[in-house]
Amino acid sequence: MNEQEQVLEIYGSLSNKTSEMVDSARQGDWDRLVELEHEYSALIERLQRTDTDPPANAGFRDRKVSLIRKVLADDAEIRRHTEPWMNQLDSYLGSARQNLQLQRAYRSDPC
């Protein structure tokens, strides 16, 4: 397998991984989403080591661009599902932090 084929294979794997991530985000399966993010990161590292040459031909470039666009669209879909959850979590953690600070401030025993 030549370098261009390897690069397209990795982009295809990224595309498949982001599809799985979209499914997990839609289902609210955050643990699985985190697992998939780790796998995605490993693929990105592999891609960075492999995709070092400029595209040699239009067919390769077009396929690469198509896969990148699909990954970006999946990323937007994942964010659409995770951002409300992240905002809710941030709000909850902020409230918990504020309660803890109040408890410490009004504690009767000095510690």
N, C-alpha and C. Protein backbone atom coordinates (compact mmCIF):
# COMPACT_ATOMS: atom_id res chain seq x y z
N MET A 1 0.86 -1.17 0.00
CA MET A 1 0.00 0.00 0.00
C MET A 1 0.90 1.24 0.00
N ASN A 2 0.64 2.15 -0.94
CA ASN A 2 1.47 3.36 -1.00
C ASN A 2 0.98 4.39 0.02
N GLU A 3 1.73 5.46 0.14
CA GLU A 3 1.43 6.47 1.17
C GLU A 3 0.05 7.10 0.96
N GLN A 4 -0.31 7.41 -0.28
CA GLN A 4 -1.61 8.01 -0.53
C GLN A 4 -2.74 7.07 -0.12
N GLU A 5 -2.60 5.79 -0.41
CA GLU A 5 -3.61 4.83 -0.01
C GLU A 5 -3.71 4.74 1.51
N GLN A 6 -2.56 4.80 2.18
CA GLN A 6 -2.56 4.78 3.65
C GLN A 6 -3.27 6.02 4.20
N VAL A 7 -2.99 7.16 3.61
CA VAL A 7 -3.61 8.41 4.05
C VAL A 7 -5.13 8.32 3.89
N LEU A 8 -5.58 7.87 2.74
CA LEU A 8 -7.03 7.75 2.52
C LEU A 8 -7.65 6.71 3.45
N GLU A 9 -6.92 5.65 3.74
CA GLU A 9 -7.42 4.64 4.67
C GLU A 9 -7.60 5.26 6.06
N ILE A 10 -6.66 6.07 6.49
CA ILE A 10 -6.77 6.71 7.80
C ILE A 10 -7.94 7.69 7.81
N TYR A 11 -8.06 8.50 6.76
CA TYR A 11 -9.20 9.43 6.68
C TYR A 11 -10.52 8.65 6.69
N GLY A 12 -10.57 7.53 6.01
CA GLY A 12 -11.77 6.70 6.03
C GLY A 12 -12.06 6.18 7.44
N SER A 13 -11.01 5.78 8.15
CA SER A 13 -11.18 5.32 9.53
C SER A 13 -11.67 6.46 10.42
N LEU A 14 -11.14 7.66 10.20
CA LEU A 14 -11.61 8.83 10.95
C LEU A 14 -13.08 9.09 10.68
N SER A 15 -13.46 8.97 9.43
CA SER A 15 -14.85 9.18 9.04
C SER A 15 -15.76 8.16 9.72
N ASN A 16 -15.34 6.90 9.73
CA ASN A 16 -16.11 5.86 10.41
C ASN A 16 -16.20 6.12 11.91
N LYS A 17 -15.08 6.56 12.48
CA LYS A 17 -15.04 6.82 13.92
C LYS A 17 -15.97 7.97 14.28
N THR A 18 -15.97 9.03 13.48
CA THR A 18 -16.85 10.14 13.80
C THR A 18 -18.32 9.75 13.63
N SER A 19 -18.61 8.83 12.72
CA SER A 19 -20.00 8.33 12.60
C SER A 19 -20.41 7.62 13.88
N GLU A 20 -19.50 6.81 14.43
CA GLU A 20 -19.78 6.14 15.69
C GLU A 20 -19.95 7.15 16.81
N MET A 21 -19.13 8.20 16.79
CA MET A 21 -19.22 9.23 17.81
C MET A 21 -20.56 9.96 17.74
N VAL A 22 -21.02 10.22 16.53
CA VAL A 22 -22.33 10.86 16.36
C VAL A 22 -23.42 9.98 16.97
N ASP A 23 -23.37 8.69 16.69
CA ASP A 23 -24.37 7.77 17.25
C ASP A 23 -24.33 7.79 18.78
N SER A 24 -23.14 7.76 19.35
CA SER A 24 -23.01 7.79 20.81
C SER A 24 -23.54 9.09 21.39
N ALA A 25 -23.23 10.20 20.73
CA ALA A 25 -23.71 11.51 21.20
C ALA A 25 -25.24 11.58 21.13
N ARG A 26 -25.80 11.08 20.06
CA ARG A 26 -27.27 11.08 19.92
C ARG A 26 -27.94 10.26 21.02
N GLN A 27 -27.29 9.17 21.40
CA GLN A 27 -27.84 8.29 22.43
C GLN A 27 -27.50 8.77 23.84
N GLY A 28 -26.64 9.78 23.94
CA GLY A 28 -26.22 10.25 25.25
C GLY A 28 -25.31 9.26 25.96
N ASP A 29 -24.62 8.43 25.19
CA ASP A 29 -23.70 7.44 25.74
C ASP A 29 -22.32 8.09 25.87
N TRP A 30 -22.16 8.88 26.93
CA TRP A 30 -20.96 9.70 27.10
C TRP A 30 -19.72 8.86 27.34
N ASP A 31 -19.85 7.75 28.05
CA ASP A 31 -18.69 6.89 28.29
C ASP A 31 -18.15 6.33 26.98
N ARG A 32 -19.04 5.89 26.14
CA ARG A 32 -18.62 5.36 24.82
C ARG A 32 -18.04 6.48 23.97
N LEU A 33 -18.62 7.66 24.06
CA LEU A 33 -18.11 8.80 23.29
C LEU A 33 -16.66 9.11 23.70
N VAL A 34 -16.38 9.05 24.99
CA VAL A 34 -15.01 9.30 25.46
C VAL A 34 -14.06 8.24 24.92
N GLU A 35 -14.47 6.98 24.95
CA GLU A 35 -13.65 5.90 24.38
C GLU A 35 -13.34 6.17 22.91
N LEU A 36 -14.38 6.54 22.18
CA LEU A 36 -14.21 6.80 20.75
C LEU A 36 -13.31 8.01 20.51
N GLU A 37 -13.38 9.01 21.37
CA GLU A 37 -12.52 10.18 21.23
C GLU A 37 -11.04 9.79 21.38
N HIS A 38 -10.77 8.85 22.29
CA HIS A 38 -9.39 8.38 22.44
C HIS A 38 -8.92 7.65 21.18
N GLU A 39 -9.79 6.84 20.62
CA GLU A 39 -9.45 6.13 19.39
C GLU A 39 -9.26 7.13 18.24
N TYR A 40 -10.11 8.15 18.19
CA TYR A 40 -10.01 9.20 17.18
C TYR A 40 -8.67 9.92 17.31
N SER A 41 -8.28 10.24 18.52
CA SER A 41 -7.00 10.93 18.75
C SER A 41 -5.82 10.09 18.27
N ALA A 42 -5.89 8.79 18.50
CA ALA A 42 -4.82 7.90 18.03
C ALA A 42 -4.74 7.91 16.50
N LEU A 43 -5.90 7.95 15.85
CA LEU A 43 -5.91 8.03 14.39
C LEU A 43 -5.33 9.36 13.90
N ILE A 44 -5.63 10.44 14.59
CA ILE A 44 -5.09 11.75 14.22
C ILE A 44 -3.57 11.73 14.33
N GLU A 45 -3.06 11.15 15.40
CA GLU A 45 -1.60 11.06 15.56
C GLU A 45 -0.99 10.25 14.41
N ARG A 46 -1.63 9.16 14.07
CA ARG A 46 -1.15 8.33 12.95
C ARG A 46 -1.19 9.12 11.64
N LEU A 47 -2.25 9.88 11.45
CA LEU A 47 -2.39 10.69 10.24
C LEU A 47 -1.29 11.74 10.16
N GLN A 48 -1.00 12.38 11.28
CA GLN A 48 0.04 13.41 11.29
C GLN A 48 1.41 12.85 10.90
N ARG A 49 1.65 11.60 11.24
CA ARG A 49 2.92 10.97 10.86
C ARG A 49 2.93 10.53 9.40
N THR A 50 1.75 10.27 8.85
CA THR A 50 1.64 9.67 7.51
C THR A 50 1.40 10.69 6.42
N ASP A 51 0.54 11.66 6.67
CA ASP A 51 0.12 12.62 5.62
C ASP A 51 1.09 13.79 5.58
N THR A 52 2.24 13.56 4.96
CA THR A 52 3.29 14.58 4.94
C THR A 52 3.51 15.19 3.57
N ASP A 53 3.05 14.54 2.54
CA ASP A 53 3.29 15.04 1.18
C ASP A 53 2.06 15.75 0.63
N PRO A 54 2.26 16.76 -0.23
CA PRO A 54 1.11 17.41 -0.85
C PRO A 54 0.41 16.44 -1.80
N PRO A 55 -0.90 16.63 -2.01
CA PRO A 55 -1.64 15.73 -2.90
C PRO A 55 -1.01 15.68 -4.29
N ALA A 56 -0.84 14.47 -4.79
CA ALA A 56 -0.20 14.29 -6.08
C ALA A 56 -1.17 14.40 -7.25
N ASN A 57 -2.42 14.06 -7.01
CA ASN A 57 -3.38 14.12 -8.12
C ASN A 57 -4.74 14.58 -7.62
N ALA A 58 -5.55 14.99 -8.57
CA ALA A 58 -6.86 15.56 -8.25
C ALA A 58 -7.79 14.53 -7.60
N GLY A 59 -7.74 13.29 -8.04
CA GLY A 59 -8.61 12.25 -7.48
C GLY A 59 -8.33 12.03 -6.00
N PHE A 60 -7.06 11.96 -5.66
CA PHE A 60 -6.66 11.80 -4.27
C PHE A 60 -7.13 13.01 -3.46
N ARG A 61 -6.86 14.19 -3.97
CA ARG A 61 -7.23 15.43 -3.27
C ARG A 61 -8.74 15.51 -3.07
N ASP A 62 -9.51 15.18 -4.10
CA ASP A 62 -10.97 15.25 -4.01
C ASP A 62 -11.51 14.27 -2.97
N ARG A 63 -10.96 13.06 -2.94
CA ARG A 63 -11.41 12.06 -1.95
C ARG A 63 -11.04 12.52 -0.55
N LYS A 64 -9.85 13.05 -0.39
CA LYS A 64 -9.39 13.54 0.91
C LYS A 64 -10.29 14.69 1.39
N VAL A 65 -10.59 15.62 0.53
CA VAL A 65 -11.45 16.76 0.88
C VAL A 65 -12.84 16.27 1.25
N SER A 66 -13.36 15.31 0.52
CA SER A 66 -14.68 14.75 0.80
C SER A 66 -14.72 14.12 2.20
N LEU A 67 -13.69 13.36 2.53
CA LEU A 67 -13.63 12.73 3.84
C LEU A 67 -13.48 13.76 4.96
N ILE A 68 -12.67 14.77 4.72
CA ILE A 68 -12.49 15.84 5.72
C ILE A 68 -13.81 16.56 5.96
N ARG A 69 -14.53 16.86 4.90
CA ARG A 69 -15.83 17.54 5.05
C ARG A 69 -16.82 16.69 5.84
N LYS A 70 -16.79 15.39 5.61
CA LYS A 70 -17.68 14.49 6.35
C LYS A 70 -17.31 14.48 7.83
N VAL A 71 -16.02 14.41 8.13
CA VAL A 71 -15.55 14.43 9.52
C VAL A 71 -15.97 15.74 10.19
N LEU A 72 -15.82 16.85 9.50
CA LEU A 72 -16.22 18.15 10.06
C LEU A 72 -17.72 18.24 10.29
N ALA A 73 -18.50 17.69 9.37
CA ALA A 73 -19.96 17.68 9.55
C ALA A 73 -20.33 16.83 10.76
N ASP A 74 -19.68 15.68 10.90
CA ASP A 74 -19.92 14.84 12.07
C ASP A 74 -19.54 15.58 13.36
N ASP A 75 -18.42 16.29 13.32
CA ASP A 75 -17.99 17.05 14.49
C ASP A 75 -19.04 18.07 14.90
N ALA A 76 -19.62 18.75 13.93
CA ALA A 76 -20.67 19.73 14.22
C ALA A 76 -21.88 19.04 14.84
N GLU A 77 -22.23 17.88 14.33
CA GLU A 77 -23.37 17.12 14.88
C GLU A 77 -23.07 16.65 16.31
N ILE A 78 -21.87 16.20 16.55
CA ILE A 78 -21.48 15.78 17.90
C ILE A 78 -21.60 16.96 18.86
N ARG A 79 -21.08 18.10 18.46
CA ARG A 79 -21.15 19.29 19.31
C ARG A 79 -22.60 19.70 19.57
N ARG A 80 -23.45 19.55 18.58
CA ARG A 80 -24.86 19.89 18.75
C ARG A 80 -25.48 19.08 19.88
N HIS A 81 -25.03 17.85 20.05
CA HIS A 81 -25.57 16.98 21.09
C HIS A 81 -24.84 17.14 22.42
N THR A 82 -23.56 17.44 22.38
CA THR A 82 -22.79 17.48 23.62
C THR A 82 -22.81 18.84 24.31
N GLU A 83 -22.92 19.92 23.56
CA GLU A 83 -22.85 21.24 24.18
C GLU A 83 -23.95 21.49 25.20
N PRO A 84 -25.21 21.12 24.95
CA PRO A 84 -26.21 21.32 26.00
C PRO A 84 -25.88 20.53 27.27
N TRP A 85 -25.40 19.31 27.09
CA TRP A 85 -25.02 18.49 28.23
C TRP A 85 -23.84 19.11 28.97
N MET A 86 -22.86 19.60 28.22
CA MET A 86 -21.69 20.24 28.83
C MET A 86 -22.10 21.51 29.57
N ASN A 87 -23.01 22.30 29.01
CA ASN A 87 -23.49 23.51 29.68
C ASN A 87 -24.22 23.16 30.97
N GLN A 88 -25.02 22.11 30.92
CA GLN A 88 -25.75 21.68 32.11
C GLN A 88 -24.76 21.20 33.17
N LEU A 89 -23.77 20.45 32.77
CA LEU A 89 -22.75 19.96 33.70
C LEU A 89 -21.97 21.13 34.30
N ASP A 90 -21.62 22.09 33.46
CA ASP A 90 -20.90 23.27 33.93
C ASP A 90 -21.73 24.05 34.95
N SER A 91 -23.00 24.18 34.68
CA SER A 91 -23.91 24.87 35.59
C SER A 91 -23.99 24.13 36.93
N TYR A 92 -24.12 22.82 36.84
CA TYR A 92 -24.19 22.00 38.05
C TYR A 92 -22.90 22.12 38.86
N LEU A 93 -21.77 22.02 38.20
CA LEU A 93 -20.49 22.11 38.90
C LEU A 93 -20.29 23.50 39.48
N GLY A 94 -20.74 24.52 38.77
CA GLY A 94 -20.64 25.89 39.29
C GLY A 94 -21.46 26.05 40.55
N SER A 95 -22.68 25.50 40.55
CA SER A 95 -23.54 25.57 41.74
C SER A 95 -22.93 24.80 42.89
N ALA A 96 -22.42 23.62 42.62
CA ALA A 96 -21.80 22.82 43.66
C ALA A 96 -20.58 23.53 44.24
N ARG A 97 -19.79 24.15 43.39
CA ARG A 97 -18.61 24.89 43.82
C ARG A 97 -19.02 26.07 44.70
N GLN A 98 -20.06 26.77 44.27
CA GLN A 98 -20.55 27.92 45.03
C GLN A 98 -21.08 27.47 46.40
N ASN A 99 -21.80 26.35 46.45
CA ASN A 99 -22.29 25.83 47.73
C ASN A 99 -21.15 25.46 48.65
N LEU A 100 -20.13 24.84 48.10
CA LEU A 100 -18.96 24.47 48.90
C LEU A 100 -18.26 25.71 49.46
N GLN A 101 -18.13 26.74 48.65
CA GLN A 101 -17.51 27.98 49.12
C GLN A 101 -18.34 28.62 50.23
N LEU A 102 -19.66 28.60 50.09
CA LEU A 102 -20.54 29.14 51.13
C LEU A 102 -20.42 28.34 52.42
N GLN A 103 -20.38 27.03 52.30
CA GLN A 103 -20.23 26.19 53.49
C GLN A 103 -18.92 26.49 54.20
N ARG A 104 -17.87 26.64 53.45
CA ARG A 104 -16.56 26.96 54.05
C ARG A 104 -16.58 28.34 54.70
N ALA A 105 -17.23 29.29 54.06
CA ALA A 105 -17.26 30.66 54.56
C ALA A 105 -18.05 30.76 55.86
N TYR A 106 -19.11 29.98 55.99
CA TYR A 106 -19.99 30.09 57.16
C TYR A 106 -19.85 28.93 58.13
N ARG A 107 -18.77 28.23 58.01
CA ARG A 107 -18.50 27.11 58.90
C ARG A 107 -18.32 27.61 60.33
N SER A 108 -18.85 26.89 61.29
CA SER A 108 -18.71 27.32 62.67
C SER A 108 -17.38 26.92 63.29
N ASP A 109 -16.78 25.84 62.80
CA ASP A 109 -15.49 25.46 63.35
C ASP A 109 -14.36 25.98 62.47
N PRO A 110 -13.35 26.61 63.05
CA PRO A 110 -12.25 27.12 62.25
C PRO A 110 -11.32 26.00 61.81
N CYS A 111 -11.13 25.87 60.51
CA CYS A 111 -10.22 24.85 59.96
C CYS A 111 -9.33 25.46 58.95
